[in-house]
Amino acid sequence: MNNISELAARFYEIINGEGELGDVLSDDFQFGIMAGFPFGGVQDGLEASKAFFEKLGPLFDNFEVHAKEFILINDTDLVVKGFYRAKTTKTGKELDFETVHFWKSNGEKLTHYKHYCDTALLCNALGHDIPR
């Protein structure tokens, strides 16, 4: 795997419970979360990105990211296709929904992320209560 692919693969391992975000994210990381997703908007910096996951956690009994296809654009740009699998705390609804992630790297760490997914499915599973 190319370095950016390895960094992204490691990110998914961390999100699914194994490791520390600072191992793969730069201090000035820009974490672009879709409007309509809980706490949507740009999380500016590593600490804000960590805080995002701390806020997101209580909304779910479990939330997993499954990366299925890594599409290398060049040494610093990567697209990942996969899906989210989750069970919401409030409604108990389970869902699987597709996602696409766009990554940028400075060659040593990940610097930018933007994702796209069907936020309507998530909104429904959360009982139409999307925290901002």
C-alpha atoms as a PDB file:
ATOM      1  CA  MET A   1       0.000   0.000   0.000  1.00  0.00           C
ATOM      2  CA  ASN A   2       1.043   3.571  -0.648  1.00  0.00           C
ATOM      3  CA  ASN A   3       1.760   5.660   2.474  1.00  0.00           C
ATOM      4  CA  ILE A   4      -1.524   7.605   2.273  1.00  0.00           C
ATOM      5  CA  SER A   5      -3.391   4.312   1.901  1.00  0.00           C
ATOM      6  CA  GLU A   6      -1.590   2.909   4.931  1.00  0.00           C
ATOM      7  CA  LEU A   7      -2.391   6.041   6.945  1.00  0.00           C
ATOM      8  CA  ALA A   8      -6.077   5.871   5.983  1.00  0.00           C
ATOM      9  CA  ALA A   9      -6.247   2.139   6.762  1.00  0.00           C
ATOM     10  CA  ARG A  10      -4.711   2.863  10.158  1.00  0.00           C
ATOM     11  CA  PHE A  11      -7.265   5.659  10.736  1.00  0.00           C
ATOM     12  CA  TYR A  12     -10.095   3.155  10.256  1.00  0.00           C
ATOM     13  CA  GLU A  13      -8.475   0.783  12.739  1.00  0.00           C
ATOM     14  CA  ILE A  14      -8.238   3.633  15.250  1.00  0.00           C
ATOM     15  CA  ILE A  15     -11.862   4.683  14.733  1.00  0.00           C
ATOM     16  CA  ASN A  16     -12.931   1.083  15.232  1.00  0.00           C
ATOM     17  CA  GLY A  17     -11.143   1.013  18.590  1.00  0.00           C
ATOM     18  CA  GLU A  18      -7.409   0.435  18.232  1.00  0.00           C
ATOM     19  CA  GLY A  19      -5.056   3.383  18.716  1.00  0.00           C
ATOM     20  CA  GLU A  20      -4.658   7.142  18.937  1.00  0.00           C
ATOM     21  CA  LEU A  21      -5.761   9.640  16.257  1.00  0.00           C
ATOM     22  CA  GLY A  22      -2.557  11.666  16.659  1.00  0.00           C
ATOM     23  CA  ASP A  23      -0.658   8.711  15.199  1.00  0.00           C
ATOM     24  CA  VAL A  24      -2.121   9.416  11.745  1.00  0.00           C
ATOM     25  CA  LEU A  25      -3.665  12.919  11.796  1.00  0.00           C
ATOM     26  CA  SER A  26      -1.627  16.111  11.546  1.00  0.00           C
ATOM     27  CA  ASP A  27      -2.006  18.738  14.283  1.00  0.00           C
ATOM     28  CA  ASP A  28      -3.708  21.054  11.746  1.00  0.00           C
ATOM     29  CA  PHE A  29      -5.977  18.297  10.361  1.00  0.00           C
ATOM     30  CA  GLN A  30      -9.173  19.508   8.643  1.00  0.00           C
ATOM     31  CA  PHE A  31     -12.015  17.047   9.286  1.00  0.00           C
ATOM     32  CA  GLY A  32     -14.921  17.807   6.935  1.00  0.00           C
ATOM     33  CA  ILE A  33     -18.195  16.354   8.218  1.00  0.00           C
ATOM     34  CA  MET A  34     -21.324  16.619   6.064  1.00  0.00           C
ATOM     35  CA  ALA A  35     -24.132  18.934   7.048  1.00  0.00           C
ATOM     36  CA  GLY A  36     -26.924  16.663   8.262  1.00  0.00           C
ATOM     37  CA  PHE A  37     -24.444  14.358  10.016  1.00  0.00           C
ATOM     38  CA  PRO A  38     -24.220  14.858  13.797  1.00  0.00           C
ATOM     39  CA  PHE A  39     -21.930  17.796  14.569  1.00  0.00           C
ATOM     40  CA  GLY A  40     -21.497  18.513  10.852  1.00  0.00           C
ATOM     41  CA  GLY A  41     -19.056  21.097   9.585  1.00  0.00           C
ATOM     42  CA  VAL A  42     -15.288  21.363   9.566  1.00  0.00           C
ATOM     43  CA  GLN A  43     -13.512  20.222  12.701  1.00  0.00           C
ATOM     44  CA  ASP A  44     -10.405  22.425  12.668  1.00  0.00           C
ATOM     45  CA  GLY A  45      -7.339  20.660  14.063  1.00  0.00           C
ATOM     46  CA  LEU A  46      -6.467  17.387  15.742  1.00  0.00           C
ATOM     47  CA  GLU A  47      -8.029  18.329  19.096  1.00  0.00           C
ATOM     48  CA  ALA A  48     -11.325  19.366  17.461  1.00  0.00           C
ATOM     49  CA  SER A  49     -11.322  16.073  15.528  1.00  0.00           C
ATOM     50  CA  LYS A  50     -10.842  14.117  18.757  1.00  0.00           C
ATOM     51  CA  ALA A  51     -13.652  16.134  20.369  1.00  0.00           C
ATOM     52  CA  PHE A  52     -15.933  15.252  17.437  1.00  0.00           C
ATOM     53  CA  PHE A  53     -15.580  11.541  18.178  1.00  0.00           C
ATOM     54  CA  GLU A  54     -16.086  12.113  21.898  1.00  0.00           C
ATOM     55  CA  LYS A  55     -19.386  13.895  21.139  1.00  0.00           C
ATOM     56  CA  LEU A  56     -20.429  11.327  18.515  1.00  0.00           C
ATOM     57  CA  GLY A  57     -19.836   8.289  20.741  1.00  0.00           C
ATOM     58  CA  PRO A  58     -22.811   8.659  23.116  1.00  0.00           C
ATOM     59  CA  LEU A  59     -25.240   8.758  20.160  1.00  0.00           C
ATOM     60  CA  PHE A  60     -24.461   5.145  19.289  1.00  0.00           C
ATOM     61  CA  ASP A  61     -24.268   1.789  21.014  1.00  0.00           C
ATOM     62  CA  ASN A  62     -21.792   0.985  18.259  1.00  0.00           C
ATOM     63  CA  PHE A  63     -20.479   2.824  15.213  1.00  0.00           C
ATOM     64  CA  GLU A  64     -18.078   1.122  12.821  1.00  0.00           C
ATOM     65  CA  VAL A  65     -16.402   2.255   9.625  1.00  0.00           C
ATOM     66  CA  HIS A  66     -15.696  -0.430   7.031  1.00  0.00           C
ATOM     67  CA  ALA A  67     -13.360   0.645   4.232  1.00  0.00           C
ATOM     68  CA  LYS A  68     -13.819  -1.581   1.195  1.00  0.00           C
ATOM     69  CA  GLU A  69     -12.023   0.042  -1.736  1.00  0.00           C
ATOM     70  CA  PHE A  70      -8.968   2.320  -1.746  1.00  0.00           C
ATOM     71  CA  ILE A  71      -8.585   4.366  -4.929  1.00  0.00           C
ATOM     72  CA  LEU A  72      -5.184   6.052  -5.044  1.00  0.00           C
ATOM     73  CA  ILE A  73      -5.238   9.323  -6.987  1.00  0.00           C
ATOM     74  CA  ASN A  74      -1.576  10.231  -6.400  1.00  0.00           C
ATOM     75  CA  ASP A  75       0.911  10.244  -3.514  1.00  0.00           C
ATOM     76  CA  THR A  76      -1.126  12.770  -1.509  1.00  0.00           C
ATOM     77  CA  ASP A  77      -4.759  12.120  -2.545  1.00  0.00           C
ATOM     78  CA  LEU A  78      -6.930   9.065  -1.910  1.00  0.00           C
ATOM     79  CA  VAL A  79     -10.598   8.106  -2.245  1.00  0.00           C
ATOM     80  CA  VAL A  80     -12.024   5.357  -0.035  1.00  0.00           C
ATOM     81  CA  LYS A  81     -15.390   3.698  -0.619  1.00  0.00           C
ATOM     82  CA  GLY A  82     -17.003   1.808   2.222  1.00  0.00           C
ATOM     83  CA  PHE A  83     -19.878   1.811   4.641  1.00  0.00           C
ATOM     84  CA  TYR A  84     -20.870   2.750   8.159  1.00  0.00           C
ATOM     85  CA  ARG A  85     -22.524   0.170  10.416  1.00  0.00           C
ATOM     86  CA  ALA A  86     -24.194   1.579  13.512  1.00  0.00           C
ATOM     87  CA  LYS A  87     -26.810   1.110  16.186  1.00  0.00           C
ATOM     88  CA  THR A  88     -28.262   4.255  17.689  1.00  0.00           C
ATOM     89  CA  THR A  89     -28.606   4.656  21.434  1.00  0.00           C
ATOM     90  CA  LYS A  90     -31.809   6.705  21.390  1.00  0.00           C
ATOM     91  CA  THR A  91     -33.939   4.596  19.030  1.00  0.00           C
ATOM     92  CA  GLY A  92     -32.033   1.306  18.970  1.00  0.00           C
ATOM     93  CA  LYS A  93     -32.190   1.323  15.173  1.00  0.00           C
ATOM     94  CA  GLU A  94     -29.449  -0.469  13.297  1.00  0.00           C
ATOM     95  CA  LEU A  95     -28.229   0.728   9.949  1.00  0.00           C
ATOM     96  CA  ASP A  96     -25.658   0.093   7.254  1.00  0.00           C
ATOM     97  CA  PHE A  97     -25.083   2.887   4.789  1.00  0.00           C
ATOM     98  CA  GLU A  98     -22.523   3.686   2.132  1.00  0.00           C
ATOM     99  CA  THR A  99     -19.910   6.375   2.410  1.00  0.00           C
ATOM    100  CA  VAL A 100     -17.124   7.849   0.306  1.00  0.00           C
ATOM    101  CA  HIS A 101     -14.096   9.521   1.920  1.00  0.00           C
ATOM    102  CA  PHE A 102     -11.649  11.915   0.287  1.00  0.00           C
ATOM    103  CA  TRP A 103      -8.232  12.107   1.961  1.00  0.00           C
ATOM    104  CA  LYS A 104      -5.151  14.317   1.635  1.00  0.00           C
ATOM    105  CA  SER A 105      -1.734  13.701   3.148  1.00  0.00           C
ATOM    106  CA  ASN A 106       1.480  15.659   3.589  1.00  0.00           C
ATOM    107  CA  GLY A 107       3.443  12.430   3.115  1.00  0.00           C
ATOM    108  CA  GLU A 108       3.768  11.777   6.837  1.00  0.00           C
ATOM    109  CA  LYS A 109       0.258  12.243   8.235  1.00  0.00           C
ATOM    110  CA  LEU A 110      -3.281  12.783   6.995  1.00  0.00           C
ATOM    111  CA  THR A 111      -4.128  16.482   6.632  1.00  0.00           C
ATOM    112  CA  HIS A 112      -7.663  16.660   5.189  1.00  0.00           C
ATOM    113  CA  TYR A 113     -10.801  14.526   5.115  1.00  0.00           C
ATOM    114  CA  LYS A 114     -14.233  14.987   3.582  1.00  0.00           C
ATOM    115  CA  HIS A 115     -16.961  12.356   3.559  1.00  0.00           C
ATOM    116  CA  TYR A 116     -20.238  11.874   1.763  1.00  0.00           C
ATOM    117  CA  CYS A 117     -23.068   9.602   2.892  1.00  0.00           C
ATOM    118  CA  ASP A 118     -26.856   9.389   2.999  1.00  0.00           C
ATOM    119  CA  THR A 119     -27.568  11.559   6.013  1.00  0.00           C
ATOM    120  CA  ALA A 120     -31.340  10.981   5.667  1.00  0.00           C
ATOM    121  CA  LEU A 121     -30.874   7.339   6.719  1.00  0.00           C
ATOM    122  CA  LEU A 122     -28.876   8.473   9.717  1.00  0.00           C
ATOM    123  CA  CYS A 123     -31.382  11.203  10.590  1.00  0.00           C
ATOM    124  CA  ASN A 124     -34.207   8.665  10.587  1.00  0.00           C
ATOM    125  CA  ALA A 125     -32.242   6.234  12.771  1.00  0.00           C
ATOM    126  CA  LEU A 126     -31.508   9.044  15.248  1.00  0.00           C
ATOM    127  CA  GLY A 127     -35.217   9.901  15.537  1.00  0.00           C
ATOM    128  CA  HIS A 128     -34.756  13.085  13.481  1.00  0.00           C
ATOM    129  CA  ASP A 129     -32.685  14.612  16.278  1.00  0.00           C
ATOM    130  CA  ILE A 130     -29.332  15.603  14.734  1.00  0.00           C
ATOM    131  CA  PRO A 131     -27.074  17.466  17.185  1.00  0.00           C
ATOM    132  CA  ARG A 132     -25.150  20.401  15.777  1.00  0.00           C
END
